[in-house]
C-alpha atoms as a PDB file:
ATOM      1  CA  UNK A   1     -44.636  52.251 -47.687  1.00  0.00           C
ATOM      2  CA  UNK A   2     -44.776  48.495 -47.923  1.00  0.00           C
ATOM      3  CA  UNK A   3     -41.000  48.289 -48.379  1.00  0.00           C
ATOM      4  CA  UNK A   4     -40.444  50.563 -45.362  1.00  0.00           C
ATOM      5  CA  UNK A   5     -42.616  48.250 -43.264  1.00  0.00           C
ATOM      6  CA  UNK A   6     -40.634  45.229 -44.416  1.00  0.00           C
ATOM      7  CA  UNK A   7     -37.325  46.979 -43.590  1.00  0.00           C
ATOM      8  CA  UNK A   8     -38.495  47.980 -40.127  1.00  0.00           C
ATOM      9  CA  UNK A   9     -39.791  44.443 -39.462  1.00  0.00           C
ATOM     10  CA  UNK A  10     -36.433  43.001 -40.524  1.00  0.00           C
ATOM     11  CA  UNK A  11     -34.520  45.327 -38.211  1.00  0.00           C
ATOM     12  CA  UNK A  12     -36.787  44.469 -35.262  1.00  0.00           C
ATOM     13  CA  UNK A  13     -36.431  40.719 -35.973  1.00  0.00           C
ATOM     14  CA  UNK A  14     -32.646  41.021 -36.143  1.00  0.00           C
ATOM     15  CA  UNK A  15     -32.464  42.934 -32.880  1.00  0.00           C
ATOM     16  CA  UNK A  16     -34.781  40.434 -31.197  1.00  0.00           C
ATOM     17  CA  UNK A  17     -32.712  37.455 -32.413  1.00  0.00           C
ATOM     18  CA  UNK A  18     -29.514  39.117 -31.243  1.00  0.00           C
ATOM     19  CA  UNK A  19     -30.988  39.763 -27.830  1.00  0.00           C
ATOM     20  CA  UNK A  20     -32.270  36.170 -27.521  1.00  0.00           C
ATOM     21  CA  UNK A  21     -28.877  34.782 -28.482  1.00  0.00           C
ATOM     22  CA  UNK A  22     -27.099  36.890 -25.912  1.00  0.00           C
ATOM     23  CA  UNK A  23     -29.593  35.843 -23.254  1.00  0.00           C
ATOM     24  CA  UNK A  24     -29.057  32.145 -24.088  1.00  0.00           C
ATOM     25  CA  UNK A  25     -25.328  32.588 -23.827  1.00  0.00           C
ATOM     26  CA  UNK A  26     -25.670  34.246 -20.443  1.00  0.00           C
ATOM     27  CA  UNK A  27     -28.043  31.538 -19.262  1.00  0.00           C
ATOM     28  CA  UNK A  28     -25.538  28.816 -20.237  1.00  0.00           C
ATOM     29  CA  UNK A  29     -22.719  30.689 -18.513  1.00  0.00           C
ATOM     30  CA  UNK A  30     -24.834  31.023 -15.372  1.00  0.00           C
ATOM     31  CA  UNK A  31     -25.448  27.256 -15.361  1.00  0.00           C
ATOM     32  CA  UNK A  32     -21.736  26.589 -15.738  1.00  0.00           C
ATOM     33  CA  UNK A  33     -20.857  28.984 -12.926  1.00  0.00           C
ATOM     34  CA  UNK A  34     -23.516  27.457 -10.691  1.00  0.00           C
ATOM     35  CA  UNK A  35     -22.035  24.005 -11.295  1.00  0.00           C
ATOM     36  CA  UNK A  36     -18.541  25.270 -10.516  1.00  0.00           C
ATOM     37  CA  UNK A  37     -19.768  26.878  -7.298  1.00  0.00           C
ATOM     38  CA  UNK A  38     -21.413  23.603  -6.270  1.00  0.00           C
ATOM     39  CA  UNK A  39     -18.171  21.716  -6.869  1.00  0.00           C
ATOM     40  CA  UNK A  40     -16.155  24.254  -4.894  1.00  0.00           C
ATOM     41  CA  UNK A  41     -18.625  24.137  -2.028  1.00  0.00           C
ATOM     42  CA  UNK A  42     -18.433  20.323  -1.943  1.00  0.00           C
ATOM     43  CA  UNK A  43     -14.646  20.461  -2.000  1.00  0.00           C
ATOM     44  CA  UNK A  44     -14.619  23.077   0.762  1.00  0.00           C
ATOM     45  CA  UNK A  45     -16.851  20.878   2.887  1.00  0.00           C
ATOM     46  CA  UNK A  46     -14.555  17.881   2.320  1.00  0.00           C
ATOM     47  CA  UNK A  47     -11.474  19.912   3.281  1.00  0.00           C
ATOM     48  CA  UNK A  48     -13.200  21.162   6.436  1.00  0.00           C
ATOM     49  CA  UNK A  49     -14.129  17.578   7.345  1.00  0.00           C
ATOM     50  CA  UNK A  50     -10.554  16.336   6.890  1.00  0.00           C
ATOM     51  CA  UNK A  51      -9.197  19.254   8.910  1.00  0.00           C
ATOM     52  CA  UNK A  52     -11.598  18.405  11.722  1.00  0.00           C
ATOM     53  CA  UNK A  53     -10.508  14.756  11.645  1.00  0.00           C
ATOM     54  CA  UNK A  54      -6.848  15.739  11.792  1.00  0.00           C
ATOM     55  CA  UNK A  55      -7.510  18.157  14.640  1.00  0.00           C
ATOM     56  CA  UNK A  56      -9.357  15.469  16.598  1.00  0.00           C
ATOM     57  CA  UNK A  57      -6.840  12.766  15.719  1.00  0.00           C
ATOM     58  CA  UNK A  58      -9.408  10.614  13.897  1.00  0.00           C
ATOM     59  CA  UNK A  59      -8.128  10.860  10.331  1.00  0.00           C
ATOM     60  CA  UNK A  60      -7.520   7.446   8.751  1.00  0.00           C
ATOM     61  CA  UNK A  61      -4.295   8.310   6.995  1.00  0.00           C
ATOM     62  CA  UNK A  62      -2.282  11.264   5.797  1.00  0.00           C
ATOM     63  CA  UNK A  63      -0.176  10.534   2.763  1.00  0.00           C
ATOM     64  CA  UNK A  64       2.896  12.688   2.968  1.00  0.00           C
ATOM     65  CA  UNK A  65       6.295  12.835   1.366  1.00  0.00           C
ATOM     66  CA  UNK A  66       7.519  13.280  -2.155  1.00  0.00           C
ATOM     67  CA  UNK A  67       7.504  10.695  -4.887  1.00  0.00           C
ATOM     68  CA  UNK A  68      11.086   9.788  -3.967  1.00  0.00           C
ATOM     69  CA  UNK A  69       9.859   8.455  -0.647  1.00  0.00           C
ATOM     70  CA  UNK A  70       7.279   6.162  -2.204  1.00  0.00           C
ATOM     71  CA  UNK A  71       7.364   2.912  -4.121  1.00  0.00           C
ATOM     72  CA  UNK A  72       4.473   1.785  -6.294  1.00  0.00           C
ATOM     73  CA  UNK A  73       4.132  -1.994  -6.189  1.00  0.00           C
ATOM     74  CA  UNK A  74       1.758  -4.935  -6.475  1.00  0.00           C
ATOM     75  CA  UNK A  75       0.948  -7.712  -4.043  1.00  0.00           C
ATOM     76  CA  UNK A  76       2.512 -11.088  -4.765  1.00  0.00           C
ATOM     77  CA  UNK A  77       0.756 -14.325  -5.690  1.00  0.00           C
ATOM     78  CA  UNK A  78       0.150 -15.293  -2.060  1.00  0.00           C
ATOM     79  CA  UNK A  79      -1.597 -12.059  -1.116  1.00  0.00           C
ATOM     80  CA  UNK A  80      -0.560  -9.729   1.700  1.00  0.00           C
ATOM     81  CA  UNK A  81      -1.691  -8.730   5.179  1.00  0.00           C
ATOM     82  CA  UNK A  82      -1.753  -5.062   6.173  1.00  0.00           C
ATOM     83  CA  UNK A  83      -1.079  -4.807   9.920  1.00  0.00           C
ATOM     84  CA  UNK A  84      -1.114  -1.944  12.378  1.00  0.00           C
ATOM     85  CA  UNK A  85       2.385  -2.853  13.575  1.00  0.00           C
ATOM     86  CA  UNK A  86       5.572  -3.983  11.879  1.00  0.00           C
ATOM     87  CA  UNK A  87       5.191  -7.470  13.323  1.00  0.00           C
ATOM     88  CA  UNK A  88       3.400 -10.711  12.553  1.00  0.00           C
ATOM     89  CA  UNK A  89       1.509 -10.187  15.815  1.00  0.00           C
ATOM     90  CA  UNK A  90       0.118  -6.830  14.718  1.00  0.00           C
ATOM     91  CA  UNK A  91      -3.630  -6.471  14.275  1.00  0.00           C
ATOM     92  CA  UNK A  92      -4.907  -7.156  10.758  1.00  0.00           C
ATOM     93  CA  UNK A  93      -6.165  -4.033   9.023  1.00  0.00           C
ATOM     94  CA  UNK A  94      -6.812  -5.624   5.635  1.00  0.00           C
ATOM     95  CA  UNK A  95      -6.242  -8.839   3.698  1.00  0.00           C
ATOM     96  CA  UNK A  96      -5.038  -7.818   0.242  1.00  0.00           C
ATOM     97  CA  UNK A  97      -5.548 -10.079  -2.742  1.00  0.00           C
ATOM     98  CA  UNK A  98      -2.782 -11.030  -5.144  1.00  0.00           C
ATOM     99  CA  UNK A  99      -2.105  -8.542  -7.906  1.00  0.00           C
ATOM    100  CA  UNK A 100      -3.615  -5.566  -6.076  1.00  0.00           C
ATOM    101  CA  UNK A 101      -1.751  -2.250  -6.357  1.00  0.00           C
ATOM    102  CA  UNK A 102      -0.236  -0.995  -3.115  1.00  0.00           C
ATOM    103  CA  UNK A 103       1.703   2.122  -2.192  1.00  0.00           C
ATOM    104  CA  UNK A 104       4.841   1.548  -0.131  1.00  0.00           C
ATOM    105  CA  UNK A 105       6.857   4.065   1.853  1.00  0.00           C
ATOM    106  CA  UNK A 106      10.604   4.004   2.315  1.00  0.00           C
ATOM    107  CA  UNK A 107      10.291   3.269   5.996  1.00  0.00           C
ATOM    108  CA  UNK A 108      11.045  -0.223   7.257  1.00  0.00           C
ATOM    109  CA  UNK A 109      11.407  -2.226  10.418  1.00  0.00           C
ATOM    110  CA  UNK A 110      13.014  -5.610   9.938  1.00  0.00           C
ATOM    111  CA  UNK A 111      11.236  -7.330   7.066  1.00  0.00           C
ATOM    112  CA  UNK A 112       8.220  -5.015   7.267  1.00  0.00           C
ATOM    113  CA  UNK A 113       7.702  -1.878   5.241  1.00  0.00           C
ATOM    114  CA  UNK A 114       5.147   0.877   5.742  1.00  0.00           C
ATOM    115  CA  UNK A 115       2.299   0.691   3.233  1.00  0.00           C
ATOM    116  CA  UNK A 116      -0.945   2.418   2.292  1.00  0.00           C
ATOM    117  CA  UNK A 117      -3.915   0.495   0.954  1.00  0.00           C
ATOM    118  CA  UNK A 118      -7.576   1.411   0.542  1.00  0.00           C
ATOM    119  CA  UNK A 119      -7.327   4.479   2.766  1.00  0.00           C
ATOM    120  CA  UNK A 120      -5.451   2.701   5.568  1.00  0.00           C
ATOM    121  CA  UNK A 121      -1.848   3.056   6.638  1.00  0.00           C
ATOM    122  CA  UNK A 122      -0.009   0.094   8.106  1.00  0.00           C
ATOM    123  CA  UNK A 123       2.784  -2.412   7.528  1.00  0.00           C
ATOM    124  CA  UNK A 124       3.259  -5.364   5.179  1.00  0.00           C
ATOM    125  CA  UNK A 125       5.959  -8.002   4.892  1.00  0.00           C
ATOM    126  CA  UNK A 126       8.167  -7.245   1.921  1.00  0.00           C
ATOM    127  CA  UNK A 127       8.160 -10.945   0.985  1.00  0.00           C
ATOM    128  CA  UNK A 128       4.448 -10.609   0.188  1.00  0.00           C
ATOM    129  CA  UNK A 129       5.148  -8.022  -2.511  1.00  0.00           C
ATOM    130  CA  UNK A 130       5.678  -9.046  -6.137  1.00  0.00           C
ATOM    131  CA  UNK A 131       9.208  -8.720  -7.505  1.00  0.00           C
ATOM    132  CA  UNK A 132      10.095  -5.034  -7.432  1.00  0.00           C
ATOM    133  CA  UNK A 133      13.665  -3.899  -8.068  1.00  0.00           C
ATOM    134  CA  UNK A 134      13.200  -0.531  -6.367  1.00  0.00           C
ATOM    135  CA  UNK A 135      11.831  -2.198  -3.230  1.00  0.00           C
ATOM    136  CA  UNK A 136      14.578  -4.820  -3.211  1.00  0.00           C
ATOM    137  CA  UNK A 137      17.233  -2.117  -3.478  1.00  0.00           C
ATOM    138  CA  UNK A 138      15.698  -0.195  -0.607  1.00  0.00           C
ATOM    139  CA  UNK A 139      15.339  -3.277   1.630  1.00  0.00           C
ATOM    140  CA  UNK A 140      18.970  -4.217   1.047  1.00  0.00           C
ATOM    141  CA  UNK A 141      20.148  -0.781   2.170  1.00  0.00           C
ATOM    142  CA  UNK A 142      22.063  -0.206   5.361  1.00  0.00           C
ATOM    143  CA  UNK A 143      20.137  -0.216   8.629  1.00  0.00           C
ATOM    144  CA  UNK A 144      21.005   0.622  12.197  1.00  0.00           C
ATOM    145  CA  UNK A 145      21.070  -3.056  13.200  1.00  0.00           C
ATOM    146  CA  UNK A 146      24.111  -3.632  15.371  1.00  0.00           C
ATOM    147  CA  UNK A 147      26.839  -6.044  14.409  1.00  0.00           C
ATOM    148  CA  UNK A 148      26.586  -9.567  15.794  1.00  0.00           C
ATOM    149  CA  UNK A 149      28.083  -9.828  19.266  1.00  0.00           C
ATOM    150  CA  UNK A 150      27.366 -13.508  19.858  1.00  0.00           C
ATOM    151  CA  UNK A 151      29.705 -16.122  18.426  1.00  0.00           C
ATOM    152  CA  UNK A 152      27.229 -18.994  18.879  1.00  0.00           C
ATOM    153  CA  UNK A 153      27.055 -21.121  15.716  1.00  0.00           C
ATOM    154  CA  UNK A 154      28.999 -18.555  13.692  1.00  0.00           C
ATOM    155  CA  UNK A 155      31.146 -21.390  12.389  1.00  0.00           C
ATOM    156  CA  UNK A 156      28.114 -22.858  10.615  1.00  0.00           C
ATOM    157  CA  UNK A 157      27.703 -19.859   8.327  1.00  0.00           C
ATOM    158  CA  UNK A 158      29.903 -17.597   6.281  1.00  0.00           C
ATOM    159  CA  UNK A 159      29.395 -14.248   7.978  1.00  0.00           C
ATOM    160  CA  UNK A 160      31.060 -12.557   5.008  1.00  0.00           C
ATOM    161  CA  UNK A 161      28.546 -13.905   2.498  1.00  0.00           C
ATOM    162  CA  UNK A 162      26.027 -11.572   0.913  1.00  0.00           C
ATOM    163  CA  UNK A 163      23.171 -13.813   2.066  1.00  0.00           C
ATOM    164  CA  UNK A 164      24.228 -13.661   5.704  1.00  0.00           C
ATOM    165  CA  UNK A 165      24.727  -9.899   5.577  1.00  0.00           C
ATOM    166  CA  UNK A 166      21.321  -9.354   4.030  1.00  0.00           C
ATOM    167  CA  UNK A 167      19.429 -11.668   6.416  1.00  0.00           C
ATOM    168  CA  UNK A 168      21.266 -10.455   9.510  1.00  0.00           C
ATOM    169  CA  UNK A 169      20.362  -6.877   8.630  1.00  0.00           C
ATOM    170  CA  UNK A 170      16.723  -7.909   8.577  1.00  0.00           C
ATOM    171  CA  UNK A 171      16.516 -10.281  11.544  1.00  0.00           C
ATOM    172  CA  UNK A 172      19.722 -10.094  13.525  1.00  0.00           C
ATOM    173  CA  UNK A 173      22.652 -12.483  13.843  1.00  0.00           C
ATOM    174  CA  UNK A 174      21.116 -15.376  15.799  1.00  0.00           C
ATOM    175  CA  UNK A 175      18.062 -15.709  13.610  1.00  0.00           C
ATOM    176  CA  UNK A 176      20.161 -15.314  10.470  1.00  0.00           C
ATOM    177  CA  UNK A 177      22.249 -18.318  11.510  1.00  0.00           C
ATOM    178  CA  UNK A 178      19.140 -20.435  12.080  1.00  0.00           C
ATOM    179  CA  UNK A 179      17.577 -19.356   8.792  1.00  0.00           C
ATOM    180  CA  UNK A 180      20.676 -20.099   6.749  1.00  0.00           C
ATOM    181  CA  UNK A 181      20.787 -23.555   8.356  1.00  0.00           C
ATOM    182  CA  UNK A 182      17.123 -24.033   7.320  1.00  0.00           C
ATOM    183  CA  UNK A 183      15.895 -24.281  10.902  1.00  0.00           C
ATOM    184  CA  UNK A 184      12.240 -23.615  11.723  1.00  0.00           C
ATOM    185  CA  UNK A 185      10.730 -22.380  14.978  1.00  0.00           C
ATOM    186  CA  UNK A 186       7.341 -21.189  16.161  1.00  0.00           C
ATOM    187  CA  UNK A 187       6.697 -17.519  15.616  1.00  0.00           C
ATOM    188  CA  UNK A 188       8.631 -17.231  12.364  1.00  0.00           C
ATOM    189  CA  UNK A 189       7.244 -14.705   9.913  1.00  0.00           C
ATOM    190  CA  UNK A 190       6.474 -15.341   6.245  1.00  0.00           C
ATOM    191  CA  UNK A 191       9.732 -13.664   5.282  1.00  0.00           C
ATOM    192  CA  UNK A 192      11.820 -15.835   7.562  1.00  0.00           C
ATOM    193  CA  UNK A 193      10.300 -19.035   6.166  1.00  0.00           C
ATOM    194  CA  UNK A 194      10.861 -17.882   2.591  1.00  0.00           C
ATOM    195  CA  UNK A 195      14.498 -17.109   3.401  1.00  0.00           C
ATOM    196  CA  UNK A 196      14.886 -20.518   5.043  1.00  0.00           C
ATOM    197  CA  UNK A 197      12.990 -22.800   2.637  1.00  0.00           C
ATOM    198  CA  UNK A 198      12.377 -20.678  -0.446  1.00  0.00           C
ATOM    199  CA  UNK A 199       9.014 -20.046  -2.092  1.00  0.00           C
ATOM    200  CA  UNK A 200       6.373 -22.755  -1.503  1.00  0.00           C
ATOM    201  CA  UNK A 201       4.874 -24.764  -4.341  1.00  0.00           C
ATOM    202  CA  UNK A 202       1.391 -23.603  -3.313  1.00  0.00           C
ATOM    203  CA  UNK A 203      -0.364 -21.430  -0.745  1.00  0.00           C
ATOM    204  CA  UNK A 204      -3.874 -21.526   0.650  1.00  0.00           C
ATOM    205  CA  UNK A 205      -5.568 -19.307   3.226  1.00  0.00           C
ATOM    206  CA  UNK A 206      -8.885 -19.167   5.062  1.00  0.00           C
ATOM    207  CA  UNK A 207     -10.460 -16.987   7.720  1.00  0.00           C
ATOM    208  CA  UNK A 208     -11.388 -18.651  11.011  1.00  0.00           C
ATOM    209  CA  UNK A 209     -12.552 -17.676  14.481  1.00  0.00           C
ATOM    210  CA  UNK A 210      -8.879 -17.577  15.497  1.00  0.00           C
ATOM    211  CA  UNK A 211      -7.860 -15.376  12.598  1.00  0.00           C
ATOM    212  CA  UNK A 212      -6.262 -15.935   9.197  1.00  0.00           C
ATOM    213  CA  UNK A 213      -4.975 -19.490   8.729  1.00  0.00           C
ATOM    214  CA  UNK A 214      -2.508 -20.257   5.943  1.00  0.00           C
ATOM    215  CA  UNK A 215      -0.867 -23.402   4.635  1.00  0.00           C
ATOM    216  CA  UNK A 216       2.264 -23.422   2.509  1.00  0.00           C
ATOM    217  CA  UNK A 217       3.140 -26.616   0.680  1.00  0.00           C
ATOM    218  CA  UNK A 218       6.705 -27.761   0.142  1.00  0.00           C
ATOM    219  CA  UNK A 219       7.985 -31.074  -1.103  1.00  0.00           C
ATOM    220  CA  UNK A 220       7.099 -33.471   1.719  1.00  0.00           C
ATOM    221  CA  UNK A 221       6.316 -30.661   4.146  1.00  0.00           C
ATOM    222  CA  UNK A 222       3.356 -28.430   5.056  1.00  0.00           C
ATOM    223  CA  UNK A 223       3.948 -25.133   6.848  1.00  0.00           C
ATOM    224  CA  UNK A 224       1.046 -23.679   8.835  1.00  0.00           C
ATOM    225  CA  UNK A 225       0.611 -20.045   9.874  1.00  0.00           C
ATOM    226  CA  UNK A 226      -1.889 -18.295  12.110  1.00  0.00           C
ATOM    227  CA  UNK A 227      -2.183 -14.546  11.547  1.00  0.00           C
ATOM    228  CA  UNK A 228       1.153 -14.510   9.775  1.00  0.00           C
ATOM    229  CA  UNK A 229       3.038 -16.451  12.458  1.00  0.00           C
ATOM    230  CA  UNK A 230       4.413 -19.979  12.056  1.00  0.00           C
ATOM    231  CA  UNK A 231       2.612 -22.423  14.350  1.00  0.00           C
ATOM    232  CA  UNK A 232       3.469 -25.897  13.000  1.00  0.00           C
ATOM    233  CA  UNK A 233       5.317 -27.753  10.248  1.00  0.00           C
END
């Protein structure tokens, strides 16, 4: 009788343990499913928000295109300015520090290339990007810039040289002639000055009530910019 009681007690204990284990497993699975549902609900809410922004035209940026249309790069030692237009007069969207990663798109206008940084889409000067062979190859590609029609000062440059061809594709014939002859004028962009005088020995920048002021040092010469545009030298 005693042994029968022990056997029955053992069977009941085993069944109880098995049931508790199954319950624990189900409880853990329920927790996991609840977490997954919460994640999906959060994602669904985010998608709905982005769709609403796109519908209303208020979305910050839509990153489209395949990897072949993008170039991963880093900002050069002098930093970069993200602007809303492909011009030195464009509004400043962000001042990007040297060494920061930036996503570029294979869409250009003169010396500016479309770029995405910190959730904003705009334009940066390609001269502000660290050495990047893929970017250089793209920027040297053919553009729709028309052939020079003016003969003014053509005799001062070799229009068959690679340098002239490259610069004229970026800025046009007249400006290419000036740049090759190391001429400076107000309104020049960073890229134009680099093409004309080369890289400066040092660069400094500071924000002011007028905008971003920059000074580039050359041997015996100081170049000053305001919001990316040459103002004095």
